[in-house]
PDB file of N, CA and C in Angstrom:
ATOM      1  N   MET A   1      23.289  15.772  -6.488  1.00  0.00           N
ATOM      2  CA  MET A   1      22.800  14.409  -6.470  1.00  0.00           C
ATOM      3  C   MET A   1      21.285  14.413  -6.230  1.00  0.00           C
ATOM      4  N   GLN A   2      20.576  13.623  -7.002  1.00  0.00           N
ATOM      5  CA  GLN A   2      19.119  13.530  -6.885  1.00  0.00           C
ATOM      6  C   GLN A   2      18.724  12.908  -5.551  1.00  0.00           C
ATOM      7  N   LYS A   3      17.777  13.546  -4.863  1.00  0.00           N
ATOM      8  CA  LYS A   3      17.221  12.992  -3.633  1.00  0.00           C
ATOM      9  C   LYS A   3      15.773  12.599  -3.916  1.00  0.00           C
ATOM     10  N   TRP A   4      15.308  11.564  -3.213  1.00  0.00           N
ATOM     11  CA  TRP A   4      13.969  11.033  -3.422  1.00  0.00           C
ATOM     12  C   TRP A   4      13.188  11.059  -2.124  1.00  0.00           C
ATOM     13  N   GLU A   5      11.874  11.144  -2.249  1.00  0.00           N
ATOM     14  CA  GLU A   5      11.009  10.886  -1.109  1.00  0.00           C
ATOM     15  C   GLU A   5      10.116   9.709  -1.473  1.00  0.00           C
ATOM     16  N   TYR A   6       9.755   8.933  -0.455  1.00  0.00           N
ATOM     17  CA  TYR A   6       9.001   7.700  -0.671  1.00  0.00           C
ATOM     18  C   TYR A   6       7.686   7.746   0.092  1.00  0.00           C
ATOM     19  N   LEU A   7       6.713   7.092  -0.467  1.00  0.00           N
ATOM     20  CA  LEU A   7       5.401   6.988   0.147  1.00  0.00           C
ATOM     21  C   LEU A   7       5.027   5.506   0.176  1.00  0.00           C
ATOM     22  N   PHE A   8       4.789   4.981   1.363  1.00  0.00           N
ATOM     23  CA  PHE A   8       4.412   3.579   1.537  1.00  0.00           C
ATOM     24  C   PHE A   8       2.905   3.511   1.753  1.00  0.00           C
ATOM     25  N   VAL A   9       2.213   2.799   0.868  1.00  0.00           N
ATOM     26  CA  VAL A   9       0.759   2.685   0.928  1.00  0.00           C
ATOM     27  C   VAL A   9       0.408   1.222   1.151  1.00  0.00           C
ATOM     28  N   PHE A  10      -0.428   0.988   2.146  1.00  0.00           N
ATOM     29  CA  PHE A  10      -0.868  -0.355   2.507  1.00  0.00           C
ATOM     30  C   PHE A  10      -2.344  -0.465   2.172  1.00  0.00           C
ATOM     31  N   ALA A  11      -2.705  -1.363   1.272  1.00  0.00           N
ATOM     32  CA  ALA A  11      -4.096  -1.544   0.868  1.00  0.00           C
ATOM     33  C   ALA A  11      -4.652  -2.811   1.496  1.00  0.00           C
ATOM     34  N   ALA A  12      -5.889  -2.749   1.954  1.00  0.00           N
ATOM     35  CA  ALA A  12      -6.539  -3.894   2.593  1.00  0.00           C
ATOM     36  C   ALA A  12      -7.900  -4.121   1.942  1.00  0.00           C
ATOM     37  N   ILE A  13      -8.455  -5.284   2.222  1.00  0.00           N
ATOM     38  CA  ILE A  13      -9.784  -5.621   1.698  1.00  0.00           C
ATOM     39  C   ILE A  13     -10.834  -4.938   2.567  1.00  0.00           C
ATOM     40  N   THR A  14     -11.840  -4.374   1.948  1.00  0.00           N
ATOM     41  CA  THR A  14     -12.904  -3.726   2.700  1.00  0.00           C
ATOM     42  C   THR A  14     -13.706  -4.762   3.479  1.00  0.00           C
ATOM     43  N   SER A  15     -14.381  -4.324   4.526  1.00  0.00           N
ATOM     44  CA  SER A  15     -15.102  -5.248   5.406  1.00  0.00           C
ATOM     45  C   SER A  15     -16.258  -5.962   4.714  1.00  0.00           C
ATOM     46  N   ASN A  16     -16.769  -5.409   3.641  1.00  0.00           N
ATOM     47  CA  ASN A  16     -17.854  -6.083   2.930  1.00  0.00           C
ATOM     48  C   ASN A  16     -17.328  -7.136   1.955  1.00  0.00           C
ATOM     49  N   GLY A  17     -16.037  -7.475   2.073  1.00  0.00           N
ATOM     50  CA  GLY A  17     -15.449  -8.496   1.219  1.00  0.00           C
ATOM     51  C   GLY A  17     -15.206  -8.036  -0.196  1.00  0.00           C
ATOM     52  N   GLY A  18     -15.230  -6.747  -0.371  1.00  0.00           N
ATOM     53  CA  GLY A  18     -15.077  -6.171  -1.702  1.00  0.00           C
ATOM     54  C   GLY A  18     -13.649  -6.161  -2.190  1.00  0.00           C
ATOM     55  N   GLU A  19     -13.264  -5.032  -2.717  1.00  0.00           N
ATOM     56  CA  GLU A  19     -11.961  -4.911  -3.345  1.00  0.00           C
ATOM     57  C   GLU A  19     -10.933  -4.315  -2.382  1.00  0.00           C
ATOM     58  N   PHE A  20      -9.691  -4.339  -2.832  1.00  0.00           N
ATOM     59  CA  PHE A  20      -8.619  -3.716  -2.069  1.00  0.00           C
ATOM     60  C   PHE A  20      -8.728  -2.203  -2.214  1.00  0.00           C
ATOM     61  N   ARG A  21      -8.558  -1.515  -1.088  1.00  0.00           N
ATOM     62  CA  ARG A  21      -8.541  -0.055  -1.089  1.00  0.00           C
ATOM     63  C   ARG A  21      -7.382   0.410  -0.205  1.00  0.00           C
ATOM     64  N   PRO A  22      -6.725   1.499  -0.579  1.00  0.00           N
ATOM     65  CA  PRO A  22      -5.641   2.020   0.259  1.00  0.00           C
ATOM     66  C   PRO A  22      -6.164   2.333   1.658  1.00  0.00           C
ATOM     67  N   ARG A  23      -5.444   1.809   2.678  1.00  0.00           N
ATOM     68  CA  ARG A  23      -5.869   2.019   4.067  1.00  0.00           C
ATOM     69  C   ARG A  23      -4.893   2.907   4.841  1.00  0.00           C
ATOM     70  N   PHE A  24      -3.600   2.710   4.620  1.00  0.00           N
ATOM     71  CA  PHE A  24      -2.578   3.488   5.317  1.00  0.00           C
ATOM     72  C   PHE A  24      -1.642   4.127   4.301  1.00  0.00           C
ATOM     73  N   ALA A  25      -1.213   5.350   4.571  1.00  0.00           N
ATOM     74  CA  ALA A  25      -0.177   6.023   3.790  1.00  0.00           C
ATOM     75  C   ALA A  25       0.862   6.510   4.791  1.00  0.00           C
ATOM     76  N   ASN A  26       2.073   5.966   4.670  1.00  0.00           N
ATOM     77  CA  ASN A  26       3.153   6.270   5.624  1.00  0.00           C
ATOM     78  C   ASN A  26       2.668   6.135   7.066  1.00  0.00           C
ATOM     79  N   ASP A  27       2.056   5.002   7.355  1.00  0.00           N
ATOM     80  CA  ASP A  27       1.594   4.624   8.704  1.00  0.00           C
ATOM     81  C   ASP A  27       0.457   5.484   9.247  1.00  0.00           C
ATOM     82  N   GLN A  28      -0.149   6.320   8.445  1.00  0.00           N
ATOM     83  CA  GLN A  28      -1.310   7.089   8.887  1.00  0.00           C
ATOM     84  C   GLN A  28      -2.551   6.525   8.207  1.00  0.00           C
ATOM     85  N   GLU A  29      -3.542   6.143   9.021  1.00  0.00           N
ATOM     86  CA  GLU A  29      -4.766   5.589   8.442  1.00  0.00           C
ATOM     87  C   GLU A  29      -5.522   6.679   7.685  1.00  0.00           C
ATOM     88  N   LEU A  30      -5.961   6.334   6.483  1.00  0.00           N
ATOM     89  CA  LEU A  30      -6.704   7.270   5.645  1.00  0.00           C
ATOM     90  C   LEU A  30      -8.146   7.382   6.150  1.00  0.00           C
ATOM     91  N   ASP A  31      -8.664   8.584   6.151  1.00  0.00           N
ATOM     92  CA  ASP A  31     -10.043   8.806   6.581  1.00  0.00           C
ATOM     93  C   ASP A  31     -10.999   8.057   5.663  1.00  0.00           C
ATOM     94  N   ASP A  32     -11.959   7.378   6.276  1.00  0.00           N
ATOM     95  CA  ASP A  32     -13.035   6.719   5.526  1.00  0.00           C
ATOM     96  C   ASP A  32     -12.497   5.824   4.398  1.00  0.00           C
ATOM     97  N   TRP A  33     -11.452   5.067   4.689  1.00  0.00           N
ATOM     98  CA  TRP A  33     -10.751   4.307   3.653  1.00  0.00           C
ATOM     99  C   TRP A  33     -11.627   3.260   2.980  1.00  0.00           C
ATOM    100  N   GLN A  34     -12.590   2.694   3.708  1.00  0.00           N
ATOM    101  CA  GLN A  34     -13.422   1.642   3.104  1.00  0.00           C
ATOM    102  C   GLN A  34     -14.349   2.188   2.017  1.00  0.00           C
ATOM    103  N   GLU A  35     -14.612   3.474   2.065  1.00  0.00           N
ATOM    104  CA  GLU A  35     -15.449   4.114   1.050  1.00  0.00           C
ATOM    105  C   GLU A  35     -14.596   4.914   0.064  1.00  0.00           C
ATOM    106  N   GLY A  36     -13.281   4.877   0.248  1.00  0.00           N
ATOM    107  CA  GLY A  36     -12.378   5.700  -0.550  1.00  0.00           C
ATOM    108  C   GLY A  36     -12.145   5.183  -1.957  1.00  0.00           C
ATOM    109  N   LEU A  37     -11.115   5.720  -2.555  1.00  0.00           N
ATOM    110  CA  LEU A  37     -10.776   5.380  -3.937  1.00  0.00           C
ATOM    111  C   LEU A  37     -10.298   3.943  -4.068  1.00  0.00           C
ATOM    112  N   ALA A  38     -10.556   3.339  -5.209  1.00  0.00           N
ATOM    113  CA  ALA A  38      -9.990   2.034  -5.534  1.00  0.00           C
ATOM    114  C   ALA A  38      -8.486   2.217  -5.757  1.00  0.00           C
ATOM    115  N   MET A  39      -7.752   1.127  -5.720  1.00  0.00           N
ATOM    116  CA  MET A  39      -6.294   1.213  -5.825  1.00  0.00           C
ATOM    117  C   MET A  39      -5.839   1.926  -7.094  1.00  0.00           C
ATOM    118  N   TYR A  40      -6.434   1.594  -8.228  1.00  0.00           N
ATOM    119  CA  TYR A  40      -5.988   2.207  -9.489  1.00  0.00           C
ATOM    120  C   TYR A  40      -6.297   3.701  -9.508  1.00  0.00           C
ATOM    121  N   GLU A  41      -7.434   4.099  -8.919  1.00  0.00           N
ATOM    122  CA  GLU A  41      -7.760   5.527  -8.856  1.00  0.00           C
ATOM    123  C   GLU A  41      -6.781   6.272  -7.944  1.00  0.00           C
ATOM    124  N   TYR A  42      -6.451   5.644  -6.825  1.00  0.00           N
ATOM    125  CA  TYR A  42      -5.503   6.240  -5.879  1.00  0.00           C
ATOM    126  C   TYR A  42      -4.136   6.399  -6.537  1.00  0.00           C
ATOM    127  N   ALA A  43      -3.680   5.340  -7.219  1.00  0.00           N
ATOM    128  CA  ALA A  43      -2.382   5.390  -7.894  1.00  0.00           C
ATOM    129  C   ALA A  43      -2.369   6.452  -8.990  1.00  0.00           C
ATOM    130  N   ASN A  44      -3.460   6.573  -9.730  1.00  0.00           N
ATOM    131  CA  ASN A  44      -3.530   7.600 -10.778  1.00  0.00           C
ATOM    132  C   ASN A  44      -3.495   9.006 -10.195  1.00  0.00           C
ATOM    133  N   ARG A  45      -4.158   9.210  -9.072  1.00  0.00           N
ATOM    134  CA  ARG A  45      -4.126  10.533  -8.425  1.00  0.00           C
ATOM    135  C   ARG A  45      -2.707  10.865  -7.968  1.00  0.00           C
ATOM    136  N   LEU A  46      -2.035   9.871  -7.383  1.00  0.00           N
ATOM    137  CA  LEU A  46      -0.654  10.108  -6.969  1.00  0.00           C
ATOM    138  C   LEU A  46       0.227  10.399  -8.181  1.00  0.00           C
ATOM    139  N   GLY A  47      -0.003   9.688  -9.280  1.00  0.00           N
ATOM    140  CA  GLY A  47       0.756   9.931 -10.508  1.00  0.00           C
ATOM    141  C   GLY A  47       0.578  11.352 -11.011  1.00  0.00           C
ATOM    142  N   GLU A  48      -0.623  11.893 -10.886  1.00  0.00           N
ATOM    143  CA  GLU A  48      -0.879  13.272 -11.289  1.00  0.00           C
ATOM    144  C   GLU A  48      -0.145  14.272 -10.397  1.00  0.00           C
ATOM    145  N   SER A  49       0.218  13.824  -9.178  1.00  0.00           N
ATOM    146  CA  SER A  49       0.968  14.677  -8.244  1.00  0.00           C
ATOM    147  C   SER A  49       2.474  14.437  -8.326  1.00  0.00           C
ATOM    148  N   GLY A  50       2.899  13.651  -9.318  1.00  0.00           N
ATOM    149  CA  GLY A  50       4.330  13.435  -9.514  1.00  0.00           C
ATOM    150  C   GLY A  50       4.894  12.171  -8.897  1.00  0.00           C
ATOM    151  N   TRP A  51       4.045  11.358  -8.258  1.00  0.00           N
ATOM    152  CA  TRP A  51       4.511  10.107  -7.657  1.00  0.00           C
ATOM    153  C   TRP A  51       4.542   9.004  -8.707  1.00  0.00           C
ATOM    154  N   GLU A  52       5.543   8.143  -8.626  1.00  0.00           N
ATOM    155  CA  GLU A  52       5.692   6.998  -9.525  1.00  0.00           C
ATOM    156  C   GLU A  52       5.613   5.719  -8.697  1.00  0.00           C
ATOM    157  N   LEU A  53       4.813   4.750  -9.173  1.00  0.00           N
ATOM    158  CA  LEU A  53       4.750   3.457  -8.486  1.00  0.00           C
ATOM    159  C   LEU A  53       6.094   2.773  -8.650  1.00  0.00           C
ATOM    160  N   PHE A  54       6.760   2.555  -7.539  1.00  0.00           N
ATOM    161  CA  PHE A  54       8.115   2.019  -7.537  1.00  0.00           C
ATOM    162  C   PHE A  54       8.112   0.515  -7.285  1.00  0.00           C
ATOM    163  N   SER A  55       7.195   0.063  -6.437  1.00  0.00           N
ATOM    164  CA  SER A  55       7.150  -1.347  -6.068  1.00  0.00           C
ATOM    165  C   SER A  55       5.747  -1.704  -5.600  1.00  0.00           C
ATOM    166  N   CYS A  56       5.347  -2.934  -5.839  1.00  0.00           N
ATOM    167  CA  CYS A  56       4.046  -3.415  -5.385  1.00  0.00           C
ATOM    168  C   CYS A  56       4.215  -4.866  -4.942  1.00  0.00           C
ATOM    169  N   ASN A  57       3.858  -5.148  -3.683  1.00  0.00           N
ATOM    170  CA  ASN A  57       4.078  -6.485  -3.121  1.00  0.00           C
ATOM    171  C   ASN A  57       2.823  -7.013  -2.453  1.00  0.00           C
ATOM    172  N   PRO A  58       2.466  -8.268  -2.743  1.00  0.00           N
ATOM    173  CA  PRO A  58       1.332  -8.860  -2.026  1.00  0.00           C
ATOM    174  C   PRO A  58       1.758  -9.250  -0.613  1.00  0.00           C
ATOM    175  N   ILE A  59       0.836  -9.138   0.317  1.00  0.00           N
ATOM    176  CA  ILE A  59       1.051  -9.607   1.681  1.00  0.00           C
ATOM    177  C   ILE A  59       0.174 -10.845   1.824  1.00  0.00           C
ATOM    178  N   VAL A  60       0.807 -12.000   1.894  1.00  0.00           N
ATOM    179  CA  VAL A  60       0.088 -13.271   1.935  1.00  0.00           C
ATOM    180  C   VAL A  60       0.308 -13.923   3.289  1.00  0.00           C
ATOM    181  N   PHE A  61      -0.777 -14.325   3.908  1.00  0.00           N
ATOM    182  CA  PHE A  61      -0.698 -15.046   5.172  1.00  0.00           C
ATOM    183  C   PHE A  61      -0.870 -16.524   4.872  1.00  0.00           C
ATOM    184  N   THR A  62       0.007 -17.337   5.429  1.00  0.00           N
ATOM    185  CA  THR A  62      -0.100 -18.783   5.235  1.00  0.00           C
ATOM    186  C   THR A  62      -0.334 -19.455   6.574  1.00  0.00           C
ATOM    187  N   GLN A  63      -1.094 -20.514   6.516  1.00  0.00           N
ATOM    188  CA  GLN A  63      -1.333 -21.331   7.694  1.00  0.00           C
ATOM    189  C   GLN A  63      -1.070 -22.773   7.307  1.00  0.00           C
ATOM    190  N   SER A  64      -0.424 -23.496   8.195  1.00  0.00           N
ATOM    191  CA  SER A  64      -0.187 -24.906   7.928  1.00  0.00           C
ATOM    192  C   SER A  64      -0.308 -25.678   9.228  1.00  0.00           C
ATOM    193  N   ASN A  65      -0.638 -26.920   9.095  1.00  0.00           N
ATOM    194  CA  ASN A  65      -0.660 -27.820  10.241  1.00  0.00           C
ATOM    195  C   ASN A  65       0.669 -28.559  10.234  1.00  0.00           C
ATOM    196  N   TRP A  66       1.683 -27.929  10.799  1.00  0.00           N
ATOM    197  CA  TRP A  66       3.027 -28.480  10.762  1.00  0.00           C
ATOM    198  C   TRP A  66       3.114 -29.704  11.648  1.00  0.00           C
ATOM    199  N   GLN A  67       3.605 -30.764  11.057  1.00  0.00           N
ATOM    200  CA  GLN A  67       3.810 -31.992  11.809  1.00  0.00           C
ATOM    201  C   GLN A  67       5.188 -32.511  11.442  1.00  0.00           C
ATOM    202  N   PRO A  68       6.010 -32.774  12.438  1.00  0.00           N
ATOM    203  CA  PRO A  68       7.375 -33.231  12.141  1.00  0.00           C
ATOM    204  C   PRO A  68       7.376 -34.548  11.353  1.00  0.00           C
ATOM    205  N   LEU A  69       8.374 -34.683  10.521  1.00  0.00           N
ATOM    206  CA  LEU A  69       8.661 -35.905   9.766  1.00  0.00           C
ATOM    207  C   LEU A  69       7.623 -36.250   8.705  1.00  0.00           C
ATOM    208  N   GLN A  70       6.783 -35.329   8.352  1.00  0.00           N
ATOM    209  CA  GLN A  70       5.861 -35.571   7.250  1.00  0.00           C
ATOM    210  C   GLN A  70       6.237 -34.661   6.087  1.00  0.00           C
ATOM    211  N   GLU A  71       6.260 -35.253   4.906  1.00  0.00           N
ATOM    212  CA  GLU A  71       6.635 -34.461   3.743  1.00  0.00           C
ATOM    213  C   GLU A  71       5.454 -33.694   3.163  1.00  0.00           C
ATOM    214  N   THR A  72       4.276 -34.183   3.388  1.00  0.00           N
ATOM    215  CA  THR A  72       3.103 -33.472   2.882  1.00  0.00           C
ATOM    216  C   THR A  72       2.328 -32.914   4.067  1.00  0.00           C
ATOM    217  N   GLN A  73       1.913 -31.707   3.914  1.00  0.00           N
ATOM    218  CA  GLN A  73       1.116 -31.074   4.957  1.00  0.00           C
ATOM    219  C   GLN A  73       0.164 -30.088   4.303  1.00  0.00           C
ATOM    220  N   PRO A  74      -1.030 -30.004   4.831  1.00  0.00           N
ATOM    221  CA  PRO A  74      -1.969 -29.049   4.239  1.00  0.00           C
ATOM    222  C   PRO A  74      -1.529 -27.612   4.514  1.00  0.00           C
ATOM    223  N   ILE A  75      -1.520 -26.827   3.470  1.00  0.00           N
ATOM    224  CA  ILE A  75      -1.137 -25.426   3.599  1.00  0.00           C
ATOM    225  C   ILE A  75      -2.207 -24.590   2.903  1.00  0.00           C
ATOM    226  N   SER A  76      -2.650 -23.568   3.573  1.00  0.00           N
ATOM    227  CA  SER A  76      -3.575 -22.639   2.932  1.00  0.00           C
ATOM    228  C   SER A  76      -2.943 -21.257   2.959  1.00  0.00           C
ATOM    229  N   SER A  77      -3.177 -20.506   1.930  1.00  0.00           N
ATOM    230  CA  SER A  77      -2.654 -19.148   1.887  1.00  0.00           C
ATOM    231  C   SER A  77      -3.766 -18.207   1.458  1.00  0.00           C
ATOM    232  N   ASP A  78      -3.638 -16.989   1.885  1.00  0.00           N
ATOM    233  CA  ASP A  78      -4.679 -16.010   1.648  1.00  0.00           C
ATOM    234  C   ASP A  78      -4.041 -14.651   1.395  1.00  0.00           C
ATOM    235  N   LEU A  79      -4.390 -14.029   0.280  1.00  0.00           N
ATOM    236  CA  LEU A  79      -3.915 -12.676  -0.005  1.00  0.00           C
ATOM    237  C   LEU A  79      -4.710 -11.712   0.858  1.00  0.00           C
ATOM    238  N   ARG A  80      -4.042 -11.033   1.782  1.00  0.00           N
ATOM    239  CA  ARG A  80      -4.738 -10.182   2.741  1.00  0.00           C
ATOM    240  C   ARG A  80      -4.506  -8.694   2.522  1.00  0.00           C
ATOM    241  N   ALA A  81      -3.398  -8.350   1.913  1.00  0.00           N
ATOM    242  CA  ALA A  81      -3.088  -6.929   1.756  1.00  0.00           C
ATOM    243  C   ALA A  81      -2.095  -6.753   0.609  1.00  0.00           C
ATOM    244  N   ILE A  82      -1.938  -5.518   0.192  1.00  0.00           N
ATOM    245  CA  ILE A  82      -0.969  -5.178  -0.845  1.00  0.00           C
ATOM    246  C   ILE A  82      -0.218  -3.945  -0.372  1.00  0.00           C
ATOM    247  N   GLU A  83       1.109  -4.014  -0.468  1.00  0.00           N
ATOM    248  CA  GLU A  83       1.926  -2.856  -0.123  1.00  0.00           C
ATOM    249  C   GLU A  83       2.436  -2.238  -1.419  1.00  0.00           C
ATOM    250  N   MET A  84       2.216  -0.935  -1.566  1.00  0.00           N
ATOM    251  CA  MET A  84       2.702  -0.211  -2.731  1.00  0.00           C
ATOM    252  C   MET A  84       3.686   0.847  -2.251  1.00  0.00           C
ATOM    253  N   VAL A  85       4.769   0.995  -2.983  1.00  0.00           N
ATOM    254  CA  VAL A  85       5.762   2.018  -2.658  1.00  0.00           C
ATOM    255  C   VAL A  85       5.846   2.964  -3.852  1.00  0.00           C
ATOM    256  N   PHE A  86       5.661   4.235  -3.570  1.00  0.00           N
ATOM    257  CA  PHE A  86       5.758   5.278  -4.593  1.00  0.00           C
ATOM    258  C   PHE A  86       6.978   6.134  -4.299  1.00  0.00           C
ATOM    259  N   LYS A  87       7.528   6.748  -5.334  1.00  0.00           N
ATOM    260  CA  LYS A  87       8.647   7.675  -5.125  1.00  0.00           C
ATOM    261  C   LYS A  87       8.494   8.849  -6.075  1.00  0.00           C
ATOM    262  N   ARG A  88       9.141   9.947  -5.694  1.00  0.00           N
ATOM    263  CA  ARG A  88       9.211  11.119  -6.559  1.00  0.00           C
ATOM    264  C   ARG A  88      10.437  11.921  -6.152  1.00  0.00           C
ATOM    265  N   PRO A  89      10.949  12.748  -7.054  1.00  0.00           N
ATOM    266  CA  PRO A  89      12.099  13.585  -6.697  1.00  0.00           C
ATOM    267  C   PRO A  89      11.747  14.484  -5.522  1.00  0.00           C
ATOM    268  N   LYS A  90      12.670  14.605  -4.600  1.00  0.00           N
ATOM    269  CA  LYS A  90      12.458  15.434  -3.416  1.00  0.00           C
ATOM    270  C   LYS A  90      12.582  16.897  -3.797  1.00  0.00           C
ATOM    271  N   ASN A  91      11.641  17.688  -3.335  1.00  0.00           N
ATOM    272  CA  ASN A  91      11.654  19.122  -3.545  1.00  0.00           C
ATOM    273  C   ASN A  91      12.624  19.727  -2.538  1.00  0.00           C
ATOM    274  N   GLU A  92      13.690  20.331  -3.005  1.00  0.00           N
ATOM    275  CA  GLU A  92      14.728  20.880  -2.128  1.00  0.00           C
ATOM    276  C   GLU A  92      14.206  21.990  -1.221  1.00  0.00           C
ATOM    277  N   GLU A  93      13.176  22.713  -1.651  1.00  0.00           N
ATOM    278  CA  GLU A  93      12.656  23.818  -0.847  1.00  0.00           C
ATOM    279  C   GLU A  93      11.722  23.354   0.255  1.00  0.00           C
ATOM    280  N   ASP A  94      11.182  22.154   0.137  1.00  0.00           N
ATOM    281  CA  ASP A  94      10.197  21.669   1.107  1.00  0.00           C
ATOM    282  C   ASP A  94      10.729  20.416   1.774  1.00  0.00           C
ATOM    283  N   ASP A  95      11.059  20.512   3.062  1.00  0.00           N
ATOM    284  CA  ASP A  95      11.563  19.350   3.787  1.00  0.00           C
ATOM    285  C   ASP A  95      10.469  18.599   4.531  1.00  0.00           C
ATOM    286  N   SER A  96       9.227  19.075   4.466  1.00  0.00           N
ATOM    287  CA  SER A  96       8.160  18.385   5.183  1.00  0.00           C
ATOM    288  C   SER A  96       7.713  17.164   4.398  1.00  0.00           C
ATOM    289  N   PRO A  97       7.454  16.045   5.105  1.00  0.00           N
ATOM    290  CA  PRO A  97       6.971  14.841   4.411  1.00  0.00           C
ATOM    291  C   PRO A  97       5.549  15.039   3.908  1.00  0.00           C
ATOM    292  N   CYS A  98       5.168  14.247   2.956  1.00  0.00           N
ATOM    293  CA  CYS A  98       3.850  14.354   2.345  1.00  0.00           C
ATOM    294  C   CYS A  98       3.023  13.136   2.729  1.00  0.00           C
ATOM    295  N   TYR A  99       1.844  13.362   3.287  1.00  0.00           N
ATOM    296  CA  TYR A  99       0.928  12.289   3.649  1.00  0.00           C
ATOM    297  C   TYR A  99      -0.388  12.519   2.922  1.00  0.00           C
ATOM    298  N   PRO A 100      -0.585  11.860   1.786  1.00  0.00           N
ATOM    299  CA  PRO A 100      -1.747  12.189   0.956  1.00  0.00           C
ATOM    300  C   PRO A 100      -3.041  11.516   1.387  1.00  0.00           C
ATOM    301  N   GLY A 101      -3.524  11.804   2.584  1.00  0.00           N
ATOM    302  CA  GLY A 101      -4.825  11.295   2.973  1.00  0.00           C
ATOM    303  C   GLY A 101      -5.910  11.910   2.118  1.00  0.00           C
ATOM    304  N   GLY A 102      -5.802  13.188   1.877  1.00  0.00           N
ATOM    305  CA  GLY A 102      -6.770  13.891   1.047  1.00  0.00           C
ATOM    306  C   GLY A 102      -6.109  14.464  -0.189  1.00  0.00           C
ATOM    307  N   PHE A 103      -4.961  13.943  -0.551  1.00  0.00           N
ATOM    308  CA  PHE A 103      -4.195  14.386  -1.712  1.00  0.00           C
ATOM    309  C   PHE A 103      -3.826  15.858  -1.603  1.00  0.00           C
ATOM    310  N   HIS A 104      -3.321  16.229  -0.431  1.00  0.00           N
ATOM    311  CA  HIS A 104      -2.864  17.600  -0.246  1.00  0.00           C
ATOM    312  C   HIS A 104      -1.377  17.735  -0.529  1.00  0.00           C
ATOM    313  N   CYS A 105      -0.841  16.817  -1.297  1.00  0.00           N
ATOM    314  CA  CYS A 105       0.564  16.873  -1.688  1.00  0.00           C
ATOM    315  C   CYS A 105       0.730  17.943  -2.762  1.00  0.00           C
ATOM    316  N   LYS A 106       1.889  18.517  -2.793  1.00  0.00           N
ATOM    317  CA  LYS A 106       2.169  19.523  -3.824  1.00  0.00           C
ATOM    318  C   LYS A 106       2.497  18.859  -5.132  1.00  0.00           C
TER     319      LYS A 106
END
């Protein structure tokens, strides 16, 4: 039976208000992430290492001034992060997890 390993990547907006860049990979913060690869470059590098983008979800924060018994209320939403999930077939000989901070994955 095929076994899989998964990599969860959390991308955030850089502090200069720029673009989304991968910040965490499997809960480990990437070194110098604000100066790191753009999302598409990161995904392409993972693809070259055998990872496939399995899922991509926006993380949206909403704020509202909730008031009971009113049908209309101001709501604002803001895209703050993107979660990407990658998968690849698990290597039976290697049981160690892969954390590609510097793309040291096999």
